[in-house]
């Protein structure tokens, strides 16, 4: 006679599997979020290089000729 208890362990195993998948997704989500926040917004590499170049020119680390030459080198 079927009493309904035969399926009990199967449902427990399925529940454990679902809980494991849930926590794996939560942990992966946290890892992706931390990496995204740590990276910031790097933008295009050329734009970041140009920003650094402008900062160096503003600090008078480069002459105008050096700045223009390096800017041309970056663009092309």
PDB file of N, CA and C in Angstrom:
ATOM      1  N   UNK A   1       0.842  -1.179   0.000  1.00  0.00           N
ATOM      2  CA  UNK A   1       0.000   0.000   0.000  1.00  0.00           C
ATOM      3  C   UNK A   1       0.886   1.241   0.000  1.00  0.00           C
ATOM      4  N   UNK A   2       0.517   2.205  -0.778  1.00  0.00           N
ATOM      5  CA  UNK A   2       1.300   3.438  -0.885  1.00  0.00           C
ATOM      6  C   UNK A   2       0.920   4.374   0.247  1.00  0.00           C
ATOM      7  N   UNK A   3       1.925   4.779   1.025  1.00  0.00           N
ATOM      8  CA  UNK A   3       1.646   5.653   2.160  1.00  0.00           C
ATOM      9  C   UNK A   3       2.171   7.064   1.942  1.00  0.00           C
ATOM     10  N   UNK A   4       2.881   7.294   0.860  1.00  0.00           N
ATOM     11  CA  UNK A   4       3.398   8.631   0.575  1.00  0.00           C
ATOM     12  C   UNK A   4       4.782   8.873   1.146  1.00  0.00           C
ATOM     13  N   UNK A   5       5.308   7.936   1.923  1.00  0.00           N
ATOM     14  CA  UNK A   5       6.627   8.142   2.536  1.00  0.00           C
ATOM     15  C   UNK A   5       7.780   7.754   1.622  1.00  0.00           C
ATOM     16  N   UNK A   6       7.492   7.034   0.564  1.00  0.00           N
ATOM     17  CA  UNK A   6       8.555   6.588  -0.329  1.00  0.00           C
ATOM     18  C   UNK A   6       9.228   7.776  -1.035  1.00  0.00           C
ATOM     19  N   UNK A   7       8.521   8.846  -1.242  1.00  0.00           N
ATOM     20  CA  UNK A   7       9.056   9.998  -1.965  1.00  0.00           C
ATOM     21  C   UNK A   7       9.732  11.008  -1.040  1.00  0.00           C
ATOM     22  N   UNK A   8       9.660  10.825   0.228  1.00  0.00           N
ATOM     23  CA  UNK A   8      10.191  11.794   1.196  1.00  0.00           C
ATOM     24  C   UNK A   8      11.655  12.126   1.003  1.00  0.00           C
ATOM     25  N   UNK A   9      12.500  11.103   0.869  1.00  0.00           N
ATOM     26  CA  UNK A   9      13.937  11.355   0.726  1.00  0.00           C
ATOM     27  C   UNK A   9      14.262  11.995  -0.612  1.00  0.00           C
ATOM     28  N   UNK A  10      13.514  11.693  -1.624  1.00  0.00           N
ATOM     29  CA  UNK A  10      13.734  12.321  -2.922  1.00  0.00           C
ATOM     30  C   UNK A  10      13.477  13.813  -2.881  1.00  0.00           C
ATOM     31  N   UNK A  11      12.429  14.223  -2.193  1.00  0.00           N
ATOM     32  CA  UNK A  11      12.122  15.650  -2.081  1.00  0.00           C
ATOM     33  C   UNK A  11      13.165  16.367  -1.232  1.00  0.00           C
ATOM     34  N   UNK A  12      13.669  15.697  -0.192  1.00  0.00           N
ATOM     35  CA  UNK A  12      14.710  16.301   0.641  1.00  0.00           C
ATOM     36  C   UNK A  12      15.979  16.514  -0.190  1.00  0.00           C
ATOM     37  N   UNK A  13      16.344  15.506  -0.983  1.00  0.00           N
ATOM     38  CA  UNK A  13      17.524  15.629  -1.840  1.00  0.00           C
ATOM     39  C   UNK A  13      17.378  16.747  -2.857  1.00  0.00           C
ATOM     40  N   UNK A  14      16.180  16.862  -3.433  1.00  0.00           N
ATOM     41  CA  UNK A  14      15.936  17.939  -4.392  1.00  0.00           C
ATOM     42  C   UNK A  14      16.006  19.302  -3.714  1.00  0.00           C
ATOM     43  N   UNK A  15      15.472  19.386  -2.514  1.00  0.00           N
ATOM     44  CA  UNK A  15      15.534  20.651  -1.765  1.00  0.00           C
ATOM     45  C   UNK A  15      16.966  21.044  -1.435  1.00  0.00           C
ATOM     46  N   UNK A  16      17.781  20.042  -1.075  1.00  0.00           N
ATOM     47  CA  UNK A  16      19.190  20.324  -0.774  1.00  0.00           C
ATOM     48  C   UNK A  16      19.921  20.797  -2.026  1.00  0.00           C
ATOM     49  N   UNK A  17      19.596  20.189  -3.154  1.00  0.00           N
ATOM     50  CA  UNK A  17      20.210  20.596  -4.419  1.00  0.00           C
ATOM     51  C   UNK A  17      19.832  22.036  -4.757  1.00  0.00           C
ATOM     52  N   UNK A  18      18.580  22.371  -4.584  1.00  0.00           N
ATOM     53  CA  UNK A  18      18.130  23.739  -4.873  1.00  0.00           C
ATOM     54  C   UNK A  18      18.801  24.739  -3.938  1.00  0.00           C
ATOM     55  N   UNK A  19      18.931  24.386  -2.667  1.00  0.00           N
ATOM     56  CA  UNK A  19      19.582  25.282  -1.709  1.00  0.00           C
ATOM     57  C   UNK A  19      21.054  25.465  -2.074  1.00  0.00           C
ATOM     58  N   UNK A  20      21.714  24.382  -2.476  1.00  0.00           N
ATOM     59  CA  UNK A  20      23.112  24.486  -2.893  1.00  0.00           C
ATOM     60  C   UNK A  20      23.268  25.390  -4.108  1.00  0.00           C
ATOM     61  N   UNK A  21      22.407  25.221  -5.098  1.00  0.00           N
ATOM     62  CA  UNK A  21      22.461  26.079  -6.282  1.00  0.00           C
ATOM     63  C   UNK A  21      22.185  27.535  -5.924  1.00  0.00           C
ATOM     64  N   UNK A  22      21.258  27.748  -5.010  1.00  0.00           N
ATOM     65  CA  UNK A  22      20.948  29.117  -4.575  1.00  0.00           C
ATOM     66  C   UNK A  22      22.183  29.787  -3.984  1.00  0.00           C
ATOM     67  N   UNK A  23      22.879  29.087  -3.075  1.00  0.00           N
ATOM     68  CA  UNK A  23      24.046  29.690  -2.423  1.00  0.00           C
ATOM     69  C   UNK A  23      25.209  29.867  -3.403  1.00  0.00           C
ATOM     70  N   UNK A  24      25.340  28.971  -4.349  1.00  0.00           N
ATOM     71  CA  UNK A  24      26.380  29.141  -5.370  1.00  0.00           C
ATOM     72  C   UNK A  24      26.111  30.399  -6.177  1.00  0.00           C
ATOM     73  N   UNK A  25      24.859  30.626  -6.555  1.00  0.00           N
ATOM     74  CA  UNK A  25      24.507  31.835  -7.306  1.00  0.00           C
ATOM     75  C   UNK A  25      24.724  33.095  -6.479  1.00  0.00           C
ATOM     76  N   UNK A  26      24.391  33.036  -5.191  1.00  0.00           N
ATOM     77  CA  UNK A  26      24.602  34.198  -4.317  1.00  0.00           C
ATOM     78  C   UNK A  26      26.091  34.515  -4.221  1.00  0.00           C
ATOM     79  N   UNK A  27      26.908  33.502  -4.003  1.00  0.00           N
ATOM     80  CA  UNK A  27      28.359  33.721  -3.885  1.00  0.00           C
ATOM     81  C   UNK A  27      28.941  34.241  -5.194  1.00  0.00           C
ATOM     82  N   UNK A  28      28.532  33.664  -6.317  1.00  0.00           N
ATOM     83  CA  UNK A  28      29.014  34.159  -7.615  1.00  0.00           C
ATOM     84  C   UNK A  28      28.589  35.603  -7.850  1.00  0.00           C
ATOM     85  N   UNK A  29      27.374  35.928  -7.463  1.00  0.00           N
ATOM     86  CA  UNK A  29      26.902  37.308  -7.601  1.00  0.00           C
ATOM     87  C   UNK A  29      27.740  38.277  -6.787  1.00  0.00           C
ATOM     88  N   UNK A  30      28.089  37.883  -5.574  1.00  0.00           N
ATOM     89  CA  UNK A  30      28.914  38.739  -4.723  1.00  0.00           C
ATOM     90  C   UNK A  30      30.302  38.908  -5.329  1.00  0.00           C
ATOM     91  N   UNK A  31      30.887  37.827  -5.841  1.00  0.00           N
ATOM     92  CA  UNK A  31      32.218  37.902  -6.457  1.00  0.00           C
ATOM     93  C   UNK A  31      32.199  38.841  -7.661  1.00  0.00           C
ATOM     94  N   UNK A  32      31.195  38.700  -8.519  1.00  0.00           N
ATOM     95  CA  UNK A  32      31.087  39.567  -9.697  1.00  0.00           C
ATOM     96  C   UNK A  32      30.905  41.021  -9.274  1.00  0.00           C
ATOM     97  N   UNK A  33      30.085  41.267  -8.277  1.00  0.00           N
ATOM     98  CA  UNK A  33      29.863  42.630  -7.798  1.00  0.00           C
ATOM     99  C   UNK A  33      31.140  43.247  -7.243  1.00  0.00           C
ATOM    100  N   UNK A  34      31.886  42.481  -6.458  1.00  0.00           N
ATOM    101  CA  UNK A  34      33.144  42.991  -5.887  1.00  0.00           C
ATOM    102  C   UNK A  34      34.147  43.300  -6.984  1.00  0.00           C
ATOM    103  N   UNK A  35      34.265  42.405  -7.971  1.00  0.00           N
ATOM    104  CA  UNK A  35      35.192  42.664  -9.081  1.00  0.00           C
ATOM    105  C   UNK A  35      34.784  43.899  -9.861  1.00  0.00           C
ATOM    106  N   UNK A  36      33.480  44.054 -10.091  1.00  0.00           N
ATOM    107  CA  UNK A  36      32.992  45.213 -10.841  1.00  0.00           C
ATOM    108  C   UNK A  36      33.261  46.505 -10.074  1.00  0.00           C
ATOM    109  N   UNK A  37      33.028  46.489  -8.769  1.00  0.00           N
ATOM    110  CA  UNK A  37      33.273  47.685  -7.965  1.00  0.00           C
ATOM    111  C   UNK A  37      34.766  47.988  -7.855  1.00  0.00           C
ATOM    112  N   UNK A  38      35.581  46.957  -7.760  1.00  0.00           N
ATOM    113  CA  UNK A  38      37.029  47.158  -7.641  1.00  0.00           C
ATOM    114  C   UNK A  38      37.606  47.712  -8.936  1.00  0.00           C
ATOM    115  N   UNK A  39      37.068  47.297 -10.061  1.00  0.00           N
ATOM    116  CA  UNK A  39      37.585  47.754 -11.351  1.00  0.00           C
ATOM    117  C   UNK A  39      37.161  49.181 -11.642  1.00  0.00           C
ATOM    118  N   UNK A  40      36.056  49.620 -11.055  1.00  0.00           N
ATOM    119  CA  UNK A  40      35.553  50.957 -11.355  1.00  0.00           C
ATOM    120  C   UNK A  40      35.090  51.007 -12.791  1.00  0.00           C
ATOM    121  N   UNK A  41      35.296  52.127 -13.411  1.00  0.00           N
ATOM    122  CA  UNK A  41      34.938  52.274 -14.810  1.00  0.00           C
ATOM    123  C   UNK A  41      36.199  52.625 -15.588  1.00  0.00           C
ATOM    124  N   UNK A  42      36.928  51.606 -16.023  1.00  0.00           N
ATOM    125  CA  UNK A  42      38.200  51.903 -16.681  1.00  0.00           C
ATOM    126  C   UNK A  42      38.048  52.621 -18.011  1.00  0.00           C
ATOM    127  N   UNK A  43      36.894  52.490 -18.657  1.00  0.00           N
ATOM    128  CA  UNK A  43      36.701  53.160 -19.935  1.00  0.00           C
ATOM    129  C   UNK A  43      37.622  52.596 -21.001  1.00  0.00           C
ATOM    130  N   UNK A  44      37.759  53.347 -22.066  1.00  0.00           N
ATOM    131  CA  UNK A  44      38.666  52.918 -23.133  1.00  0.00           C
ATOM    132  C   UNK A  44      40.106  53.158 -22.693  1.00  0.00           C
ATOM    133  N   UNK A  45      41.011  52.255 -23.012  1.00  0.00           N
ATOM    134  CA  UNK A  45      42.413  52.450 -22.616  1.00  0.00           C
ATOM    135  C   UNK A  45      43.013  53.724 -23.194  1.00  0.00           C
ATOM    136  N   UNK A  46      42.624  54.070 -24.427  1.00  0.00           N
ATOM    137  CA  UNK A  46      43.172  55.279 -25.035  1.00  0.00           C
ATOM    138  C   UNK A  46      42.730  56.529 -24.265  1.00  0.00           C
ATOM    139  N   UNK A  47      41.479  56.527 -23.818  1.00  0.00           N
ATOM    140  CA  UNK A  47      40.975  57.685 -23.082  1.00  0.00           C
ATOM    141  C   UNK A  47      41.687  57.813 -21.742  1.00  0.00           C
ATOM    142  N   UNK A  48      41.922  56.704 -21.063  1.00  0.00           N
ATOM    143  CA  UNK A  48      42.619  56.733 -19.783  1.00  0.00           C
ATOM    144  C   UNK A  48      44.053  57.226 -19.984  1.00  0.00           C
ATOM    145  N   UNK A  49      44.705  56.781 -21.044  1.00  0.00           N
ATOM    146  CA  UNK A  49      46.070  57.230 -21.322  1.00  0.00           C
ATOM    147  C   UNK A  49      46.094  58.724 -21.605  1.00  0.00           C
ATOM    148  N   UNK A  50      45.106  59.219 -22.338  1.00  0.00           N
ATOM    149  CA  UNK A  50      45.036  60.648 -22.633  1.00  0.00           C
ATOM    150  C   UNK A  50      44.791  61.452 -21.358  1.00  0.00           C
ATOM    151  N   UNK A  51      43.971  60.927 -20.452  1.00  0.00           N
ATOM    152  CA  UNK A  51      43.731  61.609 -19.177  1.00  0.00           C
ATOM    153  C   UNK A  51      45.009  61.709 -18.361  1.00  0.00           C
ATOM    154  N   UNK A  52      45.792  60.633 -18.356  1.00  0.00           N
ATOM    155  CA  UNK A  52      47.075  60.663 -17.637  1.00  0.00           C
ATOM    156  C   UNK A  52      48.013  61.671 -18.276  1.00  0.00           C
ATOM    157  N   UNK A  53      48.023  61.690 -19.592  1.00  0.00           N
ATOM    158  CA  UNK A  53      48.864  62.642 -20.318  1.00  0.00           C
ATOM    159  C   UNK A  53      48.486  64.080 -19.981  1.00  0.00           C
ATOM    160  N   UNK A  54      47.187  64.358 -19.936  1.00  0.00           N
ATOM    161  CA  UNK A  54      46.716  65.706 -19.578  1.00  0.00           C
ATOM    162  C   UNK A  54      47.109  66.075 -18.156  1.00  0.00           C
ATOM    163  N   UNK A  55      47.029  65.111 -17.244  1.00  0.00           N
ATOM    164  CA  UNK A  55      47.426  65.375 -15.857  1.00  0.00           C
ATOM    165  C   UNK A  55      48.912  65.709 -15.776  1.00  0.00           C
ATOM    166  N   UNK A  56      49.717  64.955 -16.501  1.00  0.00           N
ATOM    167  CA  UNK A  56      51.155  65.215 -16.486  1.00  0.00           C
ATOM    168  C   UNK A  56      51.484  66.578 -17.087  1.00  0.00           C
ATOM    169  N   UNK A  57      50.764  66.965 -18.124  1.00  0.00           N
ATOM    170  CA  UNK A  57      50.972  68.281 -18.740  1.00  0.00           C
ATOM    171  C   UNK A  57      50.544  69.388 -17.770  1.00  0.00           C
ATOM    172  N   UNK A  58      49.438  69.144 -17.074  1.00  0.00           N
ATOM    173  CA  UNK A  58      48.955  70.145 -16.113  1.00  0.00           C
ATOM    174  C   UNK A  58      49.937  70.322 -14.955  1.00  0.00           C
ATOM    175  N   UNK A  59      50.657  69.278 -14.601  1.00  0.00           N
ATOM    176  CA  UNK A  59      51.644  69.359 -13.520  1.00  0.00           C
ATOM    177  C   UNK A  59      52.991  69.879 -14.016  1.00  0.00           C
ATOM    178  N   UNK A  60      53.064  70.230 -15.280  1.00  0.00           N
ATOM    179  CA  UNK A  60      54.292  70.725 -15.918  1.00  0.00           C
ATOM    180  C   UNK A  60      55.390  69.668 -15.962  1.00  0.00           C
ATOM    181  N   UNK A  61      54.993  68.410 -16.032  1.00  0.00           N
ATOM    182  CA  UNK A  61      55.976  67.346 -16.189  1.00  0.00           C
ATOM    183  C   UNK A  61      56.370  67.184 -17.649  1.00  0.00           C
ATOM    184  N   UNK A  62      55.549  67.733 -18.552  1.00  0.00           N
ATOM    185  CA  UNK A  62      55.808  67.656 -19.983  1.00  0.00           C
ATOM    186  C   UNK A  62      55.773  69.050 -20.587  1.00  0.00           C
ATOM    187  N   UNK A  63      56.605  69.234 -21.598  1.00  0.00           N
ATOM    188  CA  UNK A  63      56.517  70.479 -22.350  1.00  0.00           C
ATOM    189  C   UNK A  63      55.347  70.360 -23.323  1.00  0.00           C
ATOM    190  N   UNK A  64      54.978  71.497 -23.928  1.00  0.00           N
ATOM    191  CA  UNK A  64      53.868  71.472 -24.887  1.00  0.00           C
ATOM    192  C   UNK A  64      54.199  70.574 -26.079  1.00  0.00           C
ATOM    193  N   UNK A  65      55.453  70.613 -26.526  1.00  0.00           N
ATOM    194  CA  UNK A  65      55.857  69.789 -27.661  1.00  0.00           C
ATOM    195  C   UNK A  65      55.774  68.300 -27.314  1.00  0.00           C
ATOM    196  N   UNK A  66      56.232  67.937 -26.122  1.00  0.00           N
ATOM    197  CA  UNK A  66      56.150  66.546 -25.693  1.00  0.00           C
ATOM    198  C   UNK A  66      54.680  66.098 -25.590  1.00  0.00           C
ATOM    199  N   UNK A  67      53.864  66.961 -25.016  1.00  0.00           N
ATOM    200  CA  UNK A  67      52.451  66.654 -24.865  1.00  0.00           C
ATOM    201  C   UNK A  67      51.794  66.406 -26.227  1.00  0.00           C
ATOM    202  N   UNK A  68      52.031  67.316 -27.167  1.00  0.00           N
ATOM    203  CA  UNK A  68      51.424  67.179 -28.507  1.00  0.00           C
ATOM    204  C   UNK A  68      51.931  65.925 -29.217  1.00  0.00           C
ATOM    205  N   UNK A  69      53.229  65.641 -29.106  1.00  0.00           N
ATOM    206  CA  UNK A  69      53.788  64.457 -29.749  1.00  0.00           C
ATOM    207  C   UNK A  69      53.176  63.179 -29.153  1.00  0.00           C
ATOM    208  N   UNK A  70      53.097  63.098 -27.843  1.00  0.00           N
ATOM    209  CA  UNK A  70      52.535  61.919 -27.195  1.00  0.00           C
ATOM    210  C   UNK A  70      51.046  61.775 -27.508  1.00  0.00           C
ATOM    211  N   UNK A  71      50.346  62.887 -27.597  1.00  0.00           N
ATOM    212  CA  UNK A  71      48.930  62.853 -27.940  1.00  0.00           C
ATOM    213  C   UNK A  71      48.750  62.296 -29.358  1.00  0.00           C
ATOM    214  N   UNK A  72      49.586  62.741 -30.292  1.00  0.00           N
ATOM    215  CA  UNK A  72      49.520  62.201 -31.660  1.00  0.00           C
ATOM    216  C   UNK A  72      49.845  60.708 -31.669  1.00  0.00           C
ATOM    217  N   UNK A  73      50.835  60.307 -30.884  1.00  0.00           N
ATOM    218  CA  UNK A  73      51.210  58.893 -30.805  1.00  0.00           C
ATOM    219  C   UNK A  73      50.040  58.043 -30.286  1.00  0.00           C
ATOM    220  N   UNK A  74      49.316  58.567 -29.334  1.00  0.00           N
ATOM    221  CA  UNK A  74      48.187  57.826 -28.768  1.00  0.00           C
ATOM    222  C   UNK A  74      47.051  57.667 -29.768  1.00  0.00           C
ATOM    223  N   UNK A  75      46.812  58.711 -30.543  1.00  0.00           N
ATOM    224  CA  UNK A  75      45.690  58.671 -31.482  1.00  0.00           C
ATOM    225  C   UNK A  75      46.011  57.858 -32.726  1.00  0.00           C
ATOM    226  N   UNK A  76      47.274  57.592 -32.927  1.00  0.00           N
ATOM    227  CA  UNK A  76      47.444  56.953 -34.097  1.00  0.00           C
ATOM    228  C   UNK A  76      48.297  56.146 -34.782  1.00  0.00           C
TER     229      UNK A  76
END
